[in-house]
Amino acid sequence: MIVILFRLLIFIAMILLLYTAYKYIMNPKRKLEVAKEKKTFYFHDDTENIKKNFLMTYKGFMFEGEKYLGTTEKSFDVVNISVHAHNPGELKGLERNDLYFLEEEILIRYPFASIEWKHPINKLIINKV
């Protein structure tokens, strides 16, 4: 009887371990950090919650966007987004085309939004998309 109980506890522990590993791997914050380390693009956002800012990483740079709700012709939607860099001192190597790519990715998710870049990124942008 004790052997069966011990086997059952080991089985439950293995299931719990697999569940914890799955939750760790699927965590969006971890995916964001991995994308930053690999210098790839990743967009982390809760589209249902307007109050939560979105995070994105591109070429190892981390950006945060603040969403502001407003009215469009037919509904309430995100109409203004303010984006700033987490570490502005580390933006060496960021080009204007990279910012245009980021703007396109934001506009795919929020088509009615106007994007405002905070200092020092706003000095690099000449043409508004």
N, C-alpha and C. Protein backbone atom coordinates (compact mmCIF):
# COMPACT_ATOMS: atom_id res chain seq x y z
N MET A 1 0.82 -1.19 0.00
CA MET A 1 0.00 0.00 0.00
C MET A 1 0.86 1.25 0.00
N ILE A 2 1.92 1.24 0.77
CA ILE A 2 2.82 2.40 0.85
C ILE A 2 3.51 2.61 -0.49
N VAL A 3 3.85 1.54 -1.18
CA VAL A 3 4.52 1.65 -2.47
C VAL A 3 3.60 2.31 -3.49
N ILE A 4 2.34 1.95 -3.50
CA ILE A 4 1.37 2.53 -4.42
C ILE A 4 1.19 4.02 -4.12
N LEU A 5 1.09 4.38 -2.86
CA LEU A 5 0.96 5.78 -2.45
C LEU A 5 2.21 6.58 -2.85
N PHE A 6 3.37 5.98 -2.66
CA PHE A 6 4.62 6.64 -3.04
C PHE A 6 4.68 6.86 -4.56
N ARG A 7 4.27 5.88 -5.34
CA ARG A 7 4.24 6.01 -6.80
C ARG A 7 3.25 7.09 -7.23
N LEU A 8 2.13 7.16 -6.55
CA LEU A 8 1.14 8.19 -6.85
C LEU A 8 1.70 9.59 -6.55
N LEU A 9 2.40 9.73 -5.46
CA LEU A 9 3.01 11.02 -5.12
C LEU A 9 4.10 11.41 -6.13
N ILE A 10 4.87 10.45 -6.58
CA ILE A 10 5.89 10.72 -7.60
C ILE A 10 5.22 11.15 -8.92
N PHE A 11 4.14 10.48 -9.29
CA PHE A 11 3.40 10.83 -10.50
C PHE A 11 2.84 12.25 -10.41
N ILE A 12 2.27 12.61 -9.28
CA ILE A 12 1.72 13.96 -9.07
C ILE A 12 2.85 15.00 -9.11
N ALA A 13 3.99 14.67 -8.53
CA ALA A 13 5.13 15.59 -8.55
C ALA A 13 5.64 15.80 -9.97
N MET A 14 5.65 14.75 -10.78
CA MET A 14 6.10 14.89 -12.16
C MET A 14 5.13 15.75 -12.97
N ILE A 15 3.84 15.56 -12.75
CA ILE A 15 2.85 16.38 -13.44
C ILE A 15 3.00 17.85 -13.04
N LEU A 16 3.19 18.10 -11.77
CA LEU A 16 3.38 19.46 -11.28
C LEU A 16 4.65 20.08 -11.86
N LEU A 17 5.70 19.30 -11.96
CA LEU A 17 6.95 19.78 -12.54
C LEU A 17 6.77 20.12 -14.02
N LEU A 18 6.09 19.27 -14.77
CA LEU A 18 5.83 19.55 -16.19
C LEU A 18 4.95 20.78 -16.36
N TYR A 19 3.95 20.96 -15.52
CA TYR A 19 3.08 22.12 -15.59
C TYR A 19 3.87 23.40 -15.30
N THR A 20 4.73 23.37 -14.31
CA THR A 20 5.54 24.53 -13.97
C THR A 20 6.50 24.88 -15.11
N ALA A 21 7.10 23.88 -15.73
CA ALA A 21 8.00 24.11 -16.86
C ALA A 21 7.24 24.71 -18.04
N TYR A 22 6.05 24.22 -18.30
CA TYR A 22 5.22 24.75 -19.39
C TYR A 22 4.88 26.22 -19.14
N LYS A 23 4.46 26.55 -17.93
CA LYS A 23 4.12 27.94 -17.59
C LYS A 23 5.33 28.85 -17.72
N TYR A 24 6.50 28.36 -17.35
CA TYR A 24 7.72 29.15 -17.46
C TYR A 24 8.07 29.41 -18.92
N ILE A 25 7.97 28.39 -19.75
CA ILE A 25 8.32 28.53 -21.17
C ILE A 25 7.33 29.45 -21.88
N MET A 26 6.07 29.39 -21.55
CA MET A 26 5.05 30.17 -22.23
C MET A 26 4.85 31.58 -21.65
N ASN A 27 5.63 31.97 -20.66
CA ASN A 27 5.50 33.28 -20.05
C ASN A 27 5.90 34.37 -21.04
N PRO A 28 5.01 35.34 -21.34
CA PRO A 28 5.33 36.38 -22.32
C PRO A 28 6.49 37.29 -21.89
N LYS A 29 6.63 37.53 -20.61
CA LYS A 29 7.74 38.37 -20.14
C LYS A 29 9.08 37.68 -20.42
N ARG A 30 9.12 36.35 -20.26
CA ARG A 30 10.34 35.62 -20.55
C ARG A 30 10.62 35.64 -22.05
N LYS A 31 9.57 35.53 -22.87
CA LYS A 31 9.74 35.60 -24.31
C LYS A 31 10.29 36.96 -24.72
N LEU A 32 9.84 38.00 -24.04
CA LEU A 32 10.33 39.35 -24.32
C LEU A 32 11.82 39.46 -24.00
N GLU A 33 12.23 38.92 -22.87
CA GLU A 33 13.65 38.97 -22.49
C GLU A 33 14.51 38.13 -23.44
N VAL A 34 14.00 36.99 -23.87
CA VAL A 34 14.75 36.15 -24.82
C VAL A 34 14.89 36.87 -26.16
N ALA A 35 13.82 37.53 -26.61
CA ALA A 35 13.89 38.27 -27.87
C ALA A 35 14.87 39.44 -27.76
N LYS A 36 14.94 40.07 -26.60
CA LYS A 36 15.89 41.16 -26.41
C LYS A 36 17.32 40.64 -26.47
N GLU A 37 17.57 39.50 -25.83
CA GLU A 37 18.92 38.92 -25.86
C GLU A 37 19.32 38.47 -27.26
N LYS A 38 18.35 37.93 -28.02
CA LYS A 38 18.63 37.47 -29.37
C LYS A 38 18.57 38.59 -30.40
N LYS A 39 18.16 39.79 -29.96
CA LYS A 39 18.04 40.98 -30.80
C LYS A 39 17.05 40.77 -31.94
N THR A 40 15.90 40.18 -31.60
CA THR A 40 14.82 40.00 -32.56
C THR A 40 13.63 40.86 -32.14
N PHE A 41 12.61 40.89 -32.99
CA PHE A 41 11.42 41.68 -32.69
C PHE A 41 10.43 40.84 -31.90
N TYR A 42 9.86 41.45 -30.86
CA TYR A 42 8.78 40.82 -30.09
C TYR A 42 7.89 41.92 -29.55
N PHE A 43 6.59 41.73 -29.64
CA PHE A 43 5.60 42.71 -29.19
C PHE A 43 4.76 42.06 -28.10
N HIS A 44 4.81 42.62 -26.90
CA HIS A 44 4.05 42.08 -25.77
C HIS A 44 2.99 43.11 -25.38
N ASP A 45 1.72 42.69 -25.51
CA ASP A 45 0.64 43.63 -25.24
C ASP A 45 -0.60 42.87 -24.78
N ASP A 46 -1.35 43.51 -23.91
CA ASP A 46 -2.66 43.03 -23.51
C ASP A 46 -3.68 43.93 -24.20
N THR A 47 -4.19 43.47 -25.35
CA THR A 47 -5.08 44.33 -26.14
C THR A 47 -6.41 44.58 -25.46
N GLU A 48 -6.79 43.73 -24.54
CA GLU A 48 -8.06 43.91 -23.84
C GLU A 48 -7.98 44.99 -22.76
N ASN A 49 -6.80 45.26 -22.24
CA ASN A 49 -6.63 46.22 -21.16
C ASN A 49 -5.90 47.46 -21.71
N ILE A 50 -6.64 48.54 -21.89
CA ILE A 50 -6.08 49.77 -22.43
C ILE A 50 -5.13 50.41 -21.44
N LYS A 51 -5.33 50.21 -20.16
CA LYS A 51 -4.51 50.85 -19.14
C LYS A 51 -3.10 50.28 -19.06
N LYS A 52 -2.91 49.05 -19.56
CA LYS A 52 -1.59 48.43 -19.53
C LYS A 52 -0.77 48.89 -20.74
N ASN A 53 0.44 49.30 -20.48
CA ASN A 53 1.35 49.70 -21.55
C ASN A 53 1.84 48.45 -22.28
N PHE A 54 2.22 48.65 -23.55
CA PHE A 54 2.80 47.52 -24.27
C PHE A 54 4.31 47.65 -24.28
N LEU A 55 4.97 46.52 -24.42
CA LEU A 55 6.42 46.46 -24.50
C LEU A 55 6.81 45.82 -25.82
N MET A 56 7.86 46.33 -26.41
CA MET A 56 8.37 45.70 -27.63
C MET A 56 9.88 45.81 -27.62
N THR A 57 10.49 44.83 -28.24
CA THR A 57 11.94 44.82 -28.35
C THR A 57 12.30 44.61 -29.81
N TYR A 58 13.37 45.29 -30.21
CA TYR A 58 13.84 45.19 -31.59
C TYR A 58 15.33 45.48 -31.60
N LYS A 59 16.10 44.60 -32.18
CA LYS A 59 17.56 44.73 -32.26
C LYS A 59 18.20 44.96 -30.90
N GLY A 60 17.63 44.38 -29.86
CA GLY A 60 18.20 44.49 -28.53
C GLY A 60 17.75 45.73 -27.77
N PHE A 61 16.94 46.58 -28.37
CA PHE A 61 16.44 47.79 -27.72
C PHE A 61 15.04 47.52 -27.18
N MET A 62 14.76 48.03 -25.99
CA MET A 62 13.45 47.83 -25.36
C MET A 62 12.67 49.14 -25.41
N PHE A 63 11.44 49.07 -25.88
CA PHE A 63 10.56 50.23 -25.97
C PHE A 63 9.28 49.96 -25.20
N GLU A 64 8.71 51.02 -24.65
CA GLU A 64 7.43 50.93 -23.95
C GLU A 64 6.49 51.96 -24.54
N GLY A 65 5.26 51.55 -24.79
CA GLY A 65 4.26 52.43 -25.38
C GLY A 65 3.08 52.61 -24.45
N GLU A 66 2.69 53.86 -24.26
CA GLU A 66 1.51 54.17 -23.45
C GLU A 66 0.34 54.41 -24.39
N LYS A 67 -0.76 53.73 -24.14
CA LYS A 67 -1.94 53.81 -25.00
C LYS A 67 -2.94 54.79 -24.38
N TYR A 68 -3.56 55.60 -25.24
CA TYR A 68 -4.58 56.55 -24.79
C TYR A 68 -5.85 56.32 -25.60
N LEU A 69 -6.95 56.19 -24.90
CA LEU A 69 -8.24 55.92 -25.52
C LEU A 69 -8.86 57.21 -26.01
N GLY A 70 -9.54 57.13 -27.15
CA GLY A 70 -10.23 58.28 -27.71
C GLY A 70 -11.34 57.79 -28.62
N THR A 71 -11.94 58.72 -29.34
CA THR A 71 -13.05 58.36 -30.21
C THR A 71 -12.61 58.37 -31.66
N THR A 72 -13.13 57.41 -32.40
CA THR A 72 -12.98 57.38 -33.85
C THR A 72 -14.35 57.68 -34.42
N GLU A 73 -14.53 57.50 -35.71
CA GLU A 73 -15.82 57.78 -36.32
C GLU A 73 -16.93 56.87 -35.81
N LYS A 74 -16.58 55.63 -35.49
CA LYS A 74 -17.61 54.66 -35.12
C LYS A 74 -17.53 54.16 -33.70
N SER A 75 -16.39 54.29 -33.02
CA SER A 75 -16.27 53.68 -31.70
C SER A 75 -15.14 54.34 -30.91
N PHE A 76 -15.00 53.86 -29.68
CA PHE A 76 -13.86 54.24 -28.86
C PHE A 76 -12.72 53.28 -29.19
N ASP A 77 -11.55 53.84 -29.36
CA ASP A 77 -10.40 53.03 -29.71
C ASP A 77 -9.13 53.76 -29.26
N VAL A 78 -8.00 53.09 -29.37
CA VAL A 78 -6.73 53.72 -29.06
C VAL A 78 -6.41 54.70 -30.18
N VAL A 79 -6.29 55.99 -29.83
CA VAL A 79 -6.06 57.01 -30.85
C VAL A 79 -4.70 57.68 -30.72
N ASN A 80 -4.04 57.50 -29.59
CA ASN A 80 -2.73 58.12 -29.39
C ASN A 80 -1.84 57.15 -28.63
N ILE A 81 -0.61 57.02 -29.11
CA ILE A 81 0.37 56.15 -28.46
C ILE A 81 1.65 56.95 -28.29
N SER A 82 2.16 56.92 -27.09
CA SER A 82 3.42 57.59 -26.77
C SER A 82 4.46 56.52 -26.48
N VAL A 83 5.55 56.51 -27.25
CA VAL A 83 6.56 55.46 -27.15
C VAL A 83 7.87 56.06 -26.66
N HIS A 84 8.48 55.40 -25.71
CA HIS A 84 9.80 55.82 -25.24
C HIS A 84 10.70 54.59 -25.07
N ALA A 85 12.00 54.84 -25.07
CA ALA A 85 12.98 53.77 -24.90
C ALA A 85 13.27 53.59 -23.41
N HIS A 86 13.49 52.34 -23.00
CA HIS A 86 13.82 52.08 -21.60
C HIS A 86 15.19 52.63 -21.24
N ASN A 87 16.16 52.46 -22.12
CA ASN A 87 17.52 52.94 -21.88
C ASN A 87 17.93 53.83 -23.06
N PRO A 88 17.58 55.11 -23.02
CA PRO A 88 17.90 55.98 -24.17
C PRO A 88 19.39 56.10 -24.44
N GLY A 89 20.22 55.90 -23.45
CA GLY A 89 21.65 56.00 -23.65
C GLY A 89 22.24 54.85 -24.45
N GLU A 90 21.48 53.79 -24.64
CA GLU A 90 21.97 52.61 -25.36
C GLU A 90 21.39 52.49 -26.76
N LEU A 91 20.91 53.59 -27.34
CA LEU A 91 20.27 53.54 -28.65
C LEU A 91 21.24 53.63 -29.82
N LYS A 92 22.50 53.45 -29.55
CA LYS A 92 23.50 53.54 -30.62
C LYS A 92 23.26 52.44 -31.64
N GLY A 93 23.19 52.85 -32.90
CA GLY A 93 22.96 51.90 -33.98
C GLY A 93 21.53 51.84 -34.46
N LEU A 94 20.62 52.50 -33.76
CA LEU A 94 19.21 52.52 -34.18
C LEU A 94 19.06 53.50 -35.34
N GLU A 95 18.42 53.07 -36.40
CA GLU A 95 18.27 53.88 -37.60
C GLU A 95 16.82 54.31 -37.79
N ARG A 96 16.64 55.26 -38.68
CA ARG A 96 15.31 55.78 -38.97
C ARG A 96 14.41 54.68 -39.53
N ASN A 97 14.96 53.81 -40.38
CA ASN A 97 14.15 52.71 -40.95
C ASN A 97 13.68 51.74 -39.87
N ASP A 98 14.46 51.57 -38.82
CA ASP A 98 14.04 50.72 -37.71
C ASP A 98 12.81 51.31 -37.02
N LEU A 99 12.81 52.63 -36.86
CA LEU A 99 11.65 53.29 -36.24
C LEU A 99 10.42 53.19 -37.12
N TYR A 100 10.62 53.30 -38.44
CA TYR A 100 9.49 53.14 -39.34
C TYR A 100 8.92 51.72 -39.27
N PHE A 101 9.80 50.73 -39.13
CA PHE A 101 9.34 49.34 -38.96
C PHE A 101 8.52 49.21 -37.69
N LEU A 102 9.00 49.79 -36.59
CA LEU A 102 8.27 49.73 -35.33
C LEU A 102 6.92 50.43 -35.43
N GLU A 103 6.88 51.56 -36.12
CA GLU A 103 5.61 52.26 -36.30
C GLU A 103 4.62 51.41 -37.10
N GLU A 104 5.10 50.74 -38.13
CA GLU A 104 4.22 49.86 -38.91
C GLU A 104 3.66 48.74 -38.04
N GLU A 105 4.50 48.16 -37.20
CA GLU A 105 4.03 47.08 -36.33
C GLU A 105 2.99 47.59 -35.33
N ILE A 106 3.18 48.79 -34.82
CA ILE A 106 2.20 49.37 -33.89
C ILE A 106 0.89 49.65 -34.62
N LEU A 107 1.00 50.20 -35.83
CA LEU A 107 -0.21 50.53 -36.59
C LEU A 107 -0.97 49.29 -37.07
N ILE A 108 -0.30 48.16 -37.19
CA ILE A 108 -1.01 46.92 -37.51
C ILE A 108 -1.96 46.57 -36.37
N ARG A 109 -1.51 46.77 -35.14
CA ARG A 109 -2.32 46.43 -33.97
C ARG A 109 -3.30 47.53 -33.58
N TYR A 110 -2.92 48.78 -33.82
CA TYR A 110 -3.77 49.93 -33.49
C TYR A 110 -3.85 50.86 -34.70
N PRO A 111 -4.75 50.55 -35.66
CA PRO A 111 -4.76 51.29 -36.93
C PRO A 111 -5.19 52.75 -36.81
N PHE A 112 -5.91 53.13 -35.78
CA PHE A 112 -6.39 54.50 -35.66
C PHE A 112 -5.47 55.38 -34.82
N ALA A 113 -4.34 54.86 -34.41
CA ALA A 113 -3.47 55.57 -33.47
C ALA A 113 -2.49 56.48 -34.19
N SER A 114 -2.21 57.60 -33.55
CA SER A 114 -1.09 58.43 -33.98
C SER A 114 0.03 58.16 -32.98
N ILE A 115 1.25 58.06 -33.48
CA ILE A 115 2.37 57.64 -32.65
C ILE A 115 3.27 58.85 -32.38
N GLU A 116 3.57 59.03 -31.11
CA GLU A 116 4.46 60.11 -30.68
C GLU A 116 5.67 59.46 -30.02
N TRP A 117 6.85 59.78 -30.53
CA TRP A 117 8.09 59.25 -29.97
C TRP A 117 8.64 60.26 -28.98
N LYS A 118 9.09 59.79 -27.85
CA LYS A 118 9.68 60.65 -26.82
C LYS A 118 11.15 60.89 -27.11
N HIS A 119 11.69 61.89 -26.44
CA HIS A 119 13.10 62.26 -26.59
C HIS A 119 14.00 61.10 -26.19
N PRO A 120 15.04 60.78 -26.84
CA PRO A 120 15.72 61.42 -27.96
C PRO A 120 15.31 60.86 -29.33
N ILE A 121 14.37 59.92 -29.34
CA ILE A 121 13.99 59.27 -30.60
C ILE A 121 13.29 60.25 -31.53
N ASN A 122 12.54 61.19 -30.99
CA ASN A 122 11.79 62.11 -31.83
C ASN A 122 12.71 63.01 -32.66
N LYS A 123 13.97 63.15 -32.28
CA LYS A 123 14.93 63.94 -33.07
C LYS A 123 15.34 63.21 -34.33
N LEU A 124 15.17 61.90 -34.39
CA LEU A 124 15.59 61.11 -35.55
C LEU A 124 14.51 61.05 -36.63
N ILE A 125 13.27 61.20 -36.23
CA ILE A 125 12.17 61.07 -37.19
C ILE A 125 11.93 62.40 -37.89
N ILE A 126 11.91 62.37 -39.21
CA ILE A 126 11.63 63.57 -40.00
C ILE A 126 10.23 63.49 -40.59
N ASN A 127 9.90 62.38 -41.23
CA ASN A 127 8.60 62.21 -41.88
C ASN A 127 7.67 61.42 -41.00
N LYS A 128 6.45 61.90 -40.82
CA LYS A 128 5.45 61.16 -40.05
C LYS A 128 4.80 60.14 -40.97
N VAL A 129 4.54 58.95 -40.46
CA VAL A 129 3.87 57.90 -41.24
C VAL A 129 2.39 58.05 -41.07
